[in-house]
Amino acid sequence: MVGRRASGRVLDIGASNPDDLPSHAHLCHLALVGAGEVRDSELPLHAEKVDAAPEDLPFPDRSFDVVVCRFALTRAQRPALATREIARVLRRTGQLLFLDTAATTRLDVDALMHLRHGGLITHDVDWSWPRSKPPLVQGVATHPAPQYVREIAWLRGAT
């Protein structure tokens, strides 16, 4: 999914090796946060490693077309804050491509719940359970369309 959708300005959170990086053919800038074993010499052109946590991203608002997030929400010390930060740096028309663990019981809080609480809408969600332990979930999240926000406000009784 990353190879097909990552273009423009991309933030990649959680890439653990060079094979995880999106193809640089359609990138104008790539920022890596939490880039495990990726060495500077293995980075494509227009790429930078940034020493930051997902809960405190040092980027301006609405600065990325695509955010790729691998296991960052469930590993974050404060997942709700990490989700809000990702939503903040994602452009209104941008896409969050995520891969994370799914809830194994109804009491677990998983990545999907964090995304919803952060104000993002999920699309194309696919679960890999019960084949994997722990179960995994991947998909796309975006900001809600303006008309969706207005309709929800109207349904809630806002004027």
Protein backbone atom coordinates (compact mmCIF):
# COMPACT_ATOMS: atom_id res chain seq x y z
CA MET A 1 0.00 0.00 0.00
CA VAL A 2 2.84 2.40 0.81
CA GLY A 3 4.41 1.89 -2.60
CA ARG A 4 1.17 2.84 -4.36
CA ARG A 5 0.10 5.78 -2.20
CA ALA A 6 3.22 7.49 -0.83
CA SER A 7 3.96 10.63 -2.81
CA GLY A 8 4.75 14.28 -2.20
CA ARG A 9 5.85 15.12 1.34
CA VAL A 10 5.89 11.91 3.41
CA LEU A 11 6.41 11.33 7.13
CA ASP A 12 7.37 7.74 7.97
CA ILE A 13 7.05 6.72 11.62
CA GLY A 14 8.50 3.38 12.63
CA ALA A 15 10.49 2.20 9.61
CA SER A 16 12.82 -0.45 11.02
CA ASN A 17 15.02 -1.15 7.98
CA PRO A 18 15.70 0.26 4.49
CA ASP A 19 13.27 -2.19 2.85
CA ASP A 20 10.42 -0.49 4.76
CA LEU A 21 11.04 2.89 3.13
CA PRO A 22 8.63 4.05 0.43
CA SER A 23 9.93 4.28 -3.12
CA HIS A 24 11.51 7.67 -3.59
CA ALA A 25 10.34 7.98 -7.20
CA HIS A 26 7.30 10.08 -6.26
CA LEU A 27 8.61 11.75 -3.11
CA CYS A 28 9.68 15.36 -2.86
CA HIS A 29 10.59 14.99 0.84
CA LEU A 30 10.78 12.06 3.29
CA ALA A 31 11.05 12.55 7.05
CA LEU A 32 11.75 9.51 9.24
CA VAL A 33 10.80 9.33 12.92
CA GLY A 34 11.78 6.26 14.93
CA ALA A 35 13.76 4.85 12.03
CA GLY A 36 15.29 1.85 13.81
CA GLU A 37 18.25 0.45 11.90
CA VAL A 38 18.13 2.78 8.89
CA ARG A 39 21.54 4.43 8.50
CA ASP A 40 21.98 7.88 6.99
CA SER A 41 23.93 6.37 4.09
CA GLU A 42 20.87 4.23 3.18
CA LEU A 43 18.50 7.18 2.93
CA PRO A 44 17.21 8.27 -0.46
CA LEU A 45 17.68 11.84 -1.65
CA HIS A 46 15.44 14.42 0.00
CA ALA A 47 15.23 12.32 3.19
CA GLU A 48 16.02 13.18 6.79
CA LYS A 49 16.00 11.31 10.08
CA VAL A 50 14.36 13.24 12.90
CA ASP A 51 14.95 12.39 16.54
CA ALA A 52 11.44 12.78 17.97
CA ALA A 53 8.62 10.80 19.52
CA PRO A 54 5.25 10.40 17.79
CA GLU A 55 3.71 12.37 20.69
CA ASP A 56 5.87 15.42 19.95
CA LEU A 57 6.40 15.85 16.21
CA PRO A 58 8.60 18.89 15.39
CA PHE A 59 6.80 19.79 12.16
CA PRO A 60 4.42 22.61 11.23
CA ASP A 61 0.67 21.99 11.01
CA ARG A 62 -0.56 20.34 7.79
CA SER A 63 2.94 19.72 6.44
CA PHE A 64 2.64 16.14 5.04
CA ASP A 65 0.65 14.62 2.18
CA VAL A 66 1.10 11.08 3.53
CA VAL A 67 2.00 9.75 6.97
CA VAL A 68 3.12 6.12 7.20
CA CYS A 69 2.74 4.72 10.71
CA ARG A 70 4.07 1.29 11.67
CA PHE A 71 3.19 0.12 15.20
CA ALA A 72 3.67 3.66 16.54
CA LEU A 73 0.24 4.04 18.14
CA THR A 74 0.29 0.98 20.37
CA ARG A 75 3.98 1.49 21.23
CA ALA A 76 3.62 5.17 22.08
CA GLN A 77 3.66 6.13 25.74
CA ARG A 78 0.62 8.36 25.12
CA PRO A 79 -1.20 6.98 22.05
CA ALA A 80 -4.00 9.56 22.15
CA LEU A 81 -1.47 12.40 21.98
CA ALA A 82 0.47 10.63 19.20
CA THR A 83 -2.74 10.35 17.17
CA ARG A 84 -3.53 14.04 17.64
CA GLU A 85 0.02 14.95 16.56
CA ILE A 86 -0.26 12.79 13.44
CA ALA A 87 -3.62 14.39 12.60
CA ARG A 88 -2.08 17.84 13.15
CA VAL A 89 0.80 17.34 10.69
CA LEU A 90 -1.37 15.57 8.08
CA ARG A 91 -2.82 17.82 5.38
CA ARG A 92 -6.61 18.05 5.13
CA THR A 93 -6.54 15.96 1.95
CA GLY A 94 -3.70 13.72 3.17
CA GLN A 95 -3.70 10.03 4.04
CA LEU A 96 -2.40 8.12 7.03
CA LEU A 97 -1.28 4.59 6.09
CA PHE A 98 -1.12 2.48 9.24
CA LEU A 99 -0.13 -0.99 10.39
CA ASP A 100 -0.57 -1.87 14.04
CA THR A 101 -1.83 -4.48 16.46
CA ALA A 102 -5.56 -5.08 16.75
CA ALA A 103 -7.51 -5.62 19.94
CA THR A 104 -7.68 -9.24 21.10
CA THR A 105 -10.57 -8.64 23.49
CA ARG A 106 -13.38 -6.11 23.71
CA LEU A 107 -11.59 -4.43 26.61
CA ASP A 108 -8.41 -3.69 24.65
CA VAL A 109 -7.90 -0.25 23.14
CA ASP A 110 -6.40 -0.67 19.71
CA ALA A 111 -5.02 1.56 16.99
CA LEU A 112 -8.45 2.03 15.36
CA MET A 113 -9.91 3.42 18.58
CA HIS A 114 -6.99 5.84 18.94
CA LEU A 115 -7.49 7.03 15.34
CA ARG A 116 -11.21 7.64 15.90
CA HIS A 117 -10.54 9.57 19.11
CA GLY A 118 -7.93 11.62 17.25
CA GLY A 119 -10.61 12.75 14.77
CA LEU A 120 -9.54 10.62 11.79
CA ILE A 121 -11.83 8.44 9.66
CA THR A 122 -10.60 4.95 8.70
CA HIS A 123 -10.94 3.39 5.23
CA ASP A 124 -9.85 0.13 3.57
CA VAL A 125 -9.22 -1.55 6.93
CA ASP A 126 -7.98 -5.14 6.80
CA TRP A 127 -7.38 -7.49 9.73
CA SER A 128 -4.93 -10.39 9.59
CA TRP A 129 -6.25 -12.32 12.57
CA PRO A 130 -6.47 -15.10 13.54
CA ARG A 131 -3.44 -15.93 11.37
CA SER A 132 -1.01 -13.72 13.29
CA LYS A 133 -0.25 -13.42 16.97
CA PRO A 134 -0.96 -10.72 18.01
CA PRO A 135 -3.58 -9.86 15.41
CA LEU A 136 -2.67 -7.04 13.04
CA VAL A 137 -4.75 -4.32 11.44
CA GLN A 138 -3.81 -2.11 8.49
CA GLY A 139 -5.60 0.55 6.53
CA VAL A 140 -5.95 4.19 5.58
CA ALA A 141 -7.17 7.07 7.73
CA THR A 142 -8.03 10.59 6.63
CA HIS A 143 -9.49 13.77 8.02
CA PRO A 144 -13.28 13.81 7.66
CA ALA A 145 -14.68 15.72 4.71
CA PRO A 146 -16.06 19.19 5.64
CA GLN A 147 -19.63 18.17 4.80
CA TYR A 148 -19.28 15.16 7.13
CA VAL A 149 -18.24 17.43 9.99
CA ARG A 150 -21.22 19.73 9.32
CA GLU A 151 -23.66 16.78 9.15
CA ILE A 152 -22.40 15.30 12.42
CA ALA A 153 -22.67 18.70 14.11
CA TRP A 154 -26.23 19.07 12.77
CA LEU A 155 -27.17 15.59 14.04
CA ARG A 156 -25.79 16.47 17.46
CA GLY A 157 -27.97 19.57 17.56
CA ALA A 158 -25.38 22.26 16.94
CA THR A 159 -26.50 25.40 15.19
